[in-house]
Amino acid sequence: MQLSVTGPFGWLPSSDYSLPRVFDAPEGRTCGVYLFTVPTDTGQLIYWVGQTTQAFQTRLRDHVRQYFAGTYSVLDPDALAKCQRVVLWKGMWFRKDSADRFEEYLDAAGNIAAHTRRLLQASQVFLMPAQKDKRLLARIEGAIVNCLYADSTVGHILDRGYHLAPRWEKEEPIATVRVDGPDFLGLPRKLVV
C-alpha cells in the first residue's frame, strides 16, 4: 500500500504566505491521515498527527475552532523550527481543571489568539488521502505517532495522551505502507501497519 502525501498547504490567507489554503484545495474534499508540520533546516517537523473519515476540510475547520477556543496547546513555531517544544498556552483539552481555567483563558485570550495565529501561519499541512476505513486510518495514525514518539530527536514534540489504536496483536499486518512525499523528521518511508 502506498500513501501519497499532498501538500504543503497553509491555514490562513496572508499576503506574505504563498501556500495554497487547505480549505481551498481539491484534496481537502477527501479523507485520510493529516500532519501539521513546521519546516526545519533538515526536513518537516511533525507536531500533530490526525485521521478522519470526514473531508479533511471539515475536520480541519474544527481544529481551527478548537485552537482559537483555547482547547489545544499552542506551541512556539520558532522553537519548533529548532526541534524544541515550547508551550505558549497549555490547552484545556480533556484536562480535569479545564472548568477552573476558563477565567485564565478569558484573561489571556488576546495573547493566545495572537500566538495561535502565528503558529498557524508558520505551519504547513500535509494530507495523505486514503480509503474511508476507520480501522485502517487508526492503524496508520497509530503507526506514525508511535514512530515519532520513539525517535530521539522529535519524540518529545507531539502531545502525549493521543488515543491511539495501532495494529492489535490479533490483526494481520497490512502490507508495508510506503509514505511517498517530503522528508519528515522521525518518520520512516515504510511503516508496518
Protein backbone atom coordinates (compact mmCIF):
# COMPACT_ATOMS: atom_id res chain seq x y z
CA MET A 1 0.00 0.00 0.00
CA GLN A 2 1.32 3.43 -0.87
CA LEU A 3 0.23 6.70 0.73
CA SER A 4 0.92 9.72 -1.43
CA VAL A 5 1.46 12.85 0.59
CA THR A 6 -0.06 16.02 -0.85
CA GLY A 7 0.92 19.48 0.26
CA PRO A 8 2.20 21.57 1.76
CA PHE A 9 -0.93 23.58 2.36
CA GLY A 10 -1.42 26.61 4.56
CA TRP A 11 -4.12 27.52 7.07
CA LEU A 12 -4.61 31.25 6.75
CA PRO A 13 -4.57 33.61 3.78
CA SER A 14 -1.85 36.22 4.02
CA SER A 15 -0.06 38.48 1.59
CA ASP A 16 3.30 37.04 2.66
CA TYR A 17 2.12 33.43 2.77
CA SER A 18 2.25 31.76 -0.63
CA LEU A 19 0.98 28.25 0.14
CA PRO A 20 -2.47 27.27 -1.15
CA ARG A 21 -5.01 27.08 1.68
CA VAL A 22 -6.01 23.56 2.67
CA PHE A 23 -9.66 24.69 2.70
CA ASP A 24 -9.49 25.63 -0.99
CA ALA A 25 -7.59 22.57 -2.26
CA PRO A 26 -9.50 19.82 -4.11
CA GLU A 27 -7.59 17.24 -1.99
CA GLY A 28 -9.30 18.75 1.04
CA ARG A 29 -12.55 17.08 0.00
CA THR A 30 -11.05 13.61 0.58
CA CYS A 31 -10.38 11.79 3.86
CA GLY A 32 -7.36 10.09 5.37
CA VAL A 33 -4.42 10.99 7.61
CA TYR A 34 -3.09 14.53 8.08
CA LEU A 35 0.05 16.07 9.50
CA PHE A 36 0.69 19.53 10.95
CA THR A 37 4.33 20.48 10.46
CA VAL A 38 6.83 23.29 10.73
CA PRO A 39 9.72 23.37 8.25
CA THR A 40 13.22 23.00 9.68
CA ASP A 41 16.65 23.07 8.06
CA THR A 42 16.62 19.25 7.81
CA GLY A 43 13.01 18.47 6.93
CA GLN A 44 9.44 18.85 8.11
CA LEU A 45 8.90 18.57 11.88
CA ILE A 46 5.54 16.94 12.63
CA TYR A 47 3.83 18.33 15.72
CA TRP A 48 0.34 16.88 15.17
CA VAL A 49 -0.99 13.73 13.52
CA GLY A 50 -4.66 13.07 12.90
CA GLN A 51 -7.01 10.94 10.87
CA THR A 52 -10.54 11.47 9.67
CA THR A 53 -13.28 9.76 7.72
CA GLN A 54 -14.82 13.20 7.13
CA ALA A 55 -13.50 15.51 4.45
CA PHE A 56 -10.17 16.99 5.54
CA GLN A 57 -11.68 20.48 5.15
CA THR A 58 -14.44 19.68 7.64
CA ARG A 59 -12.09 18.18 10.23
CA LEU A 60 -9.51 20.94 9.91
CA ARG A 61 -12.13 23.67 10.35
CA ASP A 62 -12.90 22.06 13.70
CA HIS A 63 -9.20 22.16 14.59
CA VAL A 64 -9.08 25.90 13.88
CA ARG A 65 -12.11 26.47 16.12
CA GLN A 66 -10.55 24.41 18.90
CA TYR A 67 -7.24 26.29 18.65
CA PHE A 68 -8.95 29.67 18.92
CA ALA A 69 -11.19 28.45 21.76
CA GLY A 70 -8.16 27.65 23.92
CA THR A 71 -8.81 23.91 23.79
CA TYR A 72 -5.48 22.97 22.21
CA SER A 73 -1.98 23.72 23.43
CA VAL A 74 -0.25 26.40 21.38
CA LEU A 75 3.43 25.80 20.63
CA ASP A 76 6.06 28.38 19.72
CA PRO A 77 6.73 27.95 15.97
CA ASP A 78 10.24 29.45 16.23
CA ALA A 79 11.18 26.82 18.80
CA LEU A 80 9.56 24.07 16.69
CA ALA A 81 11.75 25.09 13.75
CA LYS A 82 14.70 24.22 16.04
CA CYS A 83 13.11 20.90 17.14
CA GLN A 84 12.23 22.32 20.56
CA ARG A 85 8.86 22.16 22.29
CA VAL A 86 7.92 25.43 23.98
CA VAL A 87 4.30 25.67 25.11
CA LEU A 88 2.87 29.20 24.95
CA TRP A 89 -0.60 28.10 26.11
CA LYS A 90 -1.38 24.80 27.80
CA GLY A 91 -4.70 23.90 26.24
CA MET A 92 -7.74 22.82 28.14
CA TRP A 93 -8.16 19.63 26.09
CA PHE A 94 -9.70 16.97 28.35
CA ARG A 95 -7.99 18.40 31.43
CA LYS A 96 -9.63 17.86 34.78
CA ASP A 97 -9.06 21.50 35.69
CA SER A 98 -10.48 22.94 32.44
CA ALA A 99 -13.55 24.43 34.13
CA ASP A 100 -11.26 26.14 36.65
CA ARG A 101 -9.20 27.69 33.83
CA PHE A 102 -11.95 29.48 31.89
CA GLU A 103 -11.20 32.78 33.59
CA GLU A 104 -7.48 32.32 32.96
CA TYR A 105 -8.27 31.73 29.29
CA LEU A 106 -10.54 34.78 29.05
CA ASP A 107 -7.88 36.99 30.65
CA ALA A 108 -5.27 35.75 28.19
CA ALA A 109 -7.48 35.23 25.11
CA GLY A 110 -5.97 38.10 23.10
CA ASN A 111 -2.43 36.85 23.59
CA ILE A 112 -3.45 33.24 22.98
CA ALA A 113 -5.16 34.23 19.71
CA ALA A 114 -2.03 36.09 18.58
CA HIS A 115 0.18 33.07 19.41
CA THR A 116 -2.29 30.75 17.67
CA ARG A 117 -2.31 32.87 14.55
CA ARG A 118 1.50 32.90 14.48
CA LEU A 119 1.60 29.09 14.88
CA LEU A 120 -0.95 28.52 12.12
CA GLN A 121 0.82 30.95 9.77
CA ALA A 122 4.14 29.15 10.31
CA SER A 123 2.61 25.69 9.97
CA GLN A 124 2.18 23.56 6.92
CA VAL A 125 -0.48 20.88 6.48
CA PHE A 126 0.15 17.66 4.60
CA LEU A 127 -2.61 15.27 3.59
CA MET A 128 -2.43 11.53 2.98
CA PRO A 129 -5.67 10.64 1.23
CA ALA A 130 -6.77 7.08 1.96
CA GLN A 131 -9.88 4.96 1.74
CA LYS A 132 -12.71 5.70 4.16
CA ASP A 133 -11.95 2.86 6.57
CA LYS A 134 -11.87 3.87 10.27
CA ARG A 135 -9.77 0.91 11.35
CA LEU A 136 -7.19 1.36 8.59
CA LEU A 137 -6.87 5.10 9.30
CA ALA A 138 -6.49 4.46 13.05
CA ARG A 139 -3.75 1.92 12.35
CA ILE A 140 -1.87 4.32 10.10
CA GLU A 141 -2.18 7.18 12.60
CA GLY A 142 -1.01 4.90 15.43
CA ALA A 143 1.99 3.68 13.45
CA ILE A 144 3.05 7.25 12.61
CA VAL A 145 2.65 8.58 16.16
CA ASN A 146 4.46 5.60 17.68
CA CYS A 147 7.38 6.06 15.24
CA LEU A 148 7.60 9.73 16.19
CA TYR A 149 7.38 9.00 19.93
CA ALA A 150 10.26 6.51 19.57
CA ASP A 151 12.53 8.96 17.73
CA SER A 152 15.14 10.56 19.99
CA THR A 153 15.14 13.85 18.07
CA VAL A 154 11.41 14.51 17.69
CA GLY A 155 9.73 12.18 20.18
CA HIS A 156 9.21 14.97 22.71
CA ILE A 157 7.39 17.28 20.27
CA LEU A 158 3.98 15.60 20.00
CA ASP A 159 1.49 15.84 22.83
CA ARG A 160 1.24 12.75 24.98
CA GLY A 161 -2.13 11.18 25.52
CA TYR A 162 -3.13 10.50 21.93
CA HIS A 163 -5.97 7.99 21.86
CA LEU A 164 -4.19 5.57 19.57
CA ALA A 165 -5.44 2.34 18.08
CA PRO A 166 -2.45 0.90 16.20
CA ARG A 167 -2.43 -2.66 14.88
CA TRP A 168 -3.67 -5.09 17.51
CA GLU A 169 -1.71 -8.28 18.13
CA LYS A 170 -4.52 -10.41 16.72
CA GLU A 171 -4.61 -8.40 13.46
CA GLU A 172 -2.55 -9.42 10.48
CA PRO A 173 -0.15 -6.73 9.33
CA ILE A 174 -1.21 -4.91 6.21
CA ALA A 175 1.43 -4.90 3.55
CA THR A 176 4.04 -2.33 4.45
CA VAL A 177 2.77 1.20 3.90
CA ARG A 178 5.13 3.37 1.90
CA VAL A 179 4.95 7.10 2.62
CA ASP A 180 5.67 8.99 -0.58
CA GLY A 181 6.41 12.66 -0.02
CA PRO A 182 8.87 15.10 1.53
CA ASP A 183 11.27 14.26 4.33
CA PHE A 184 9.52 14.22 7.69
CA LEU A 185 11.85 14.10 10.69
CA GLY A 186 11.50 10.81 12.58
CA LEU A 187 9.12 9.23 10.07
CA PRO A 188 10.49 6.36 8.01
CA ARG A 189 9.43 5.90 4.41
CA LYS A 190 7.98 2.48 5.21
CA LEU A 191 5.62 1.64 8.06
CA VAL A 192 4.21 -1.69 9.17
CA VAL A 193 0.55 -1.04 9.86
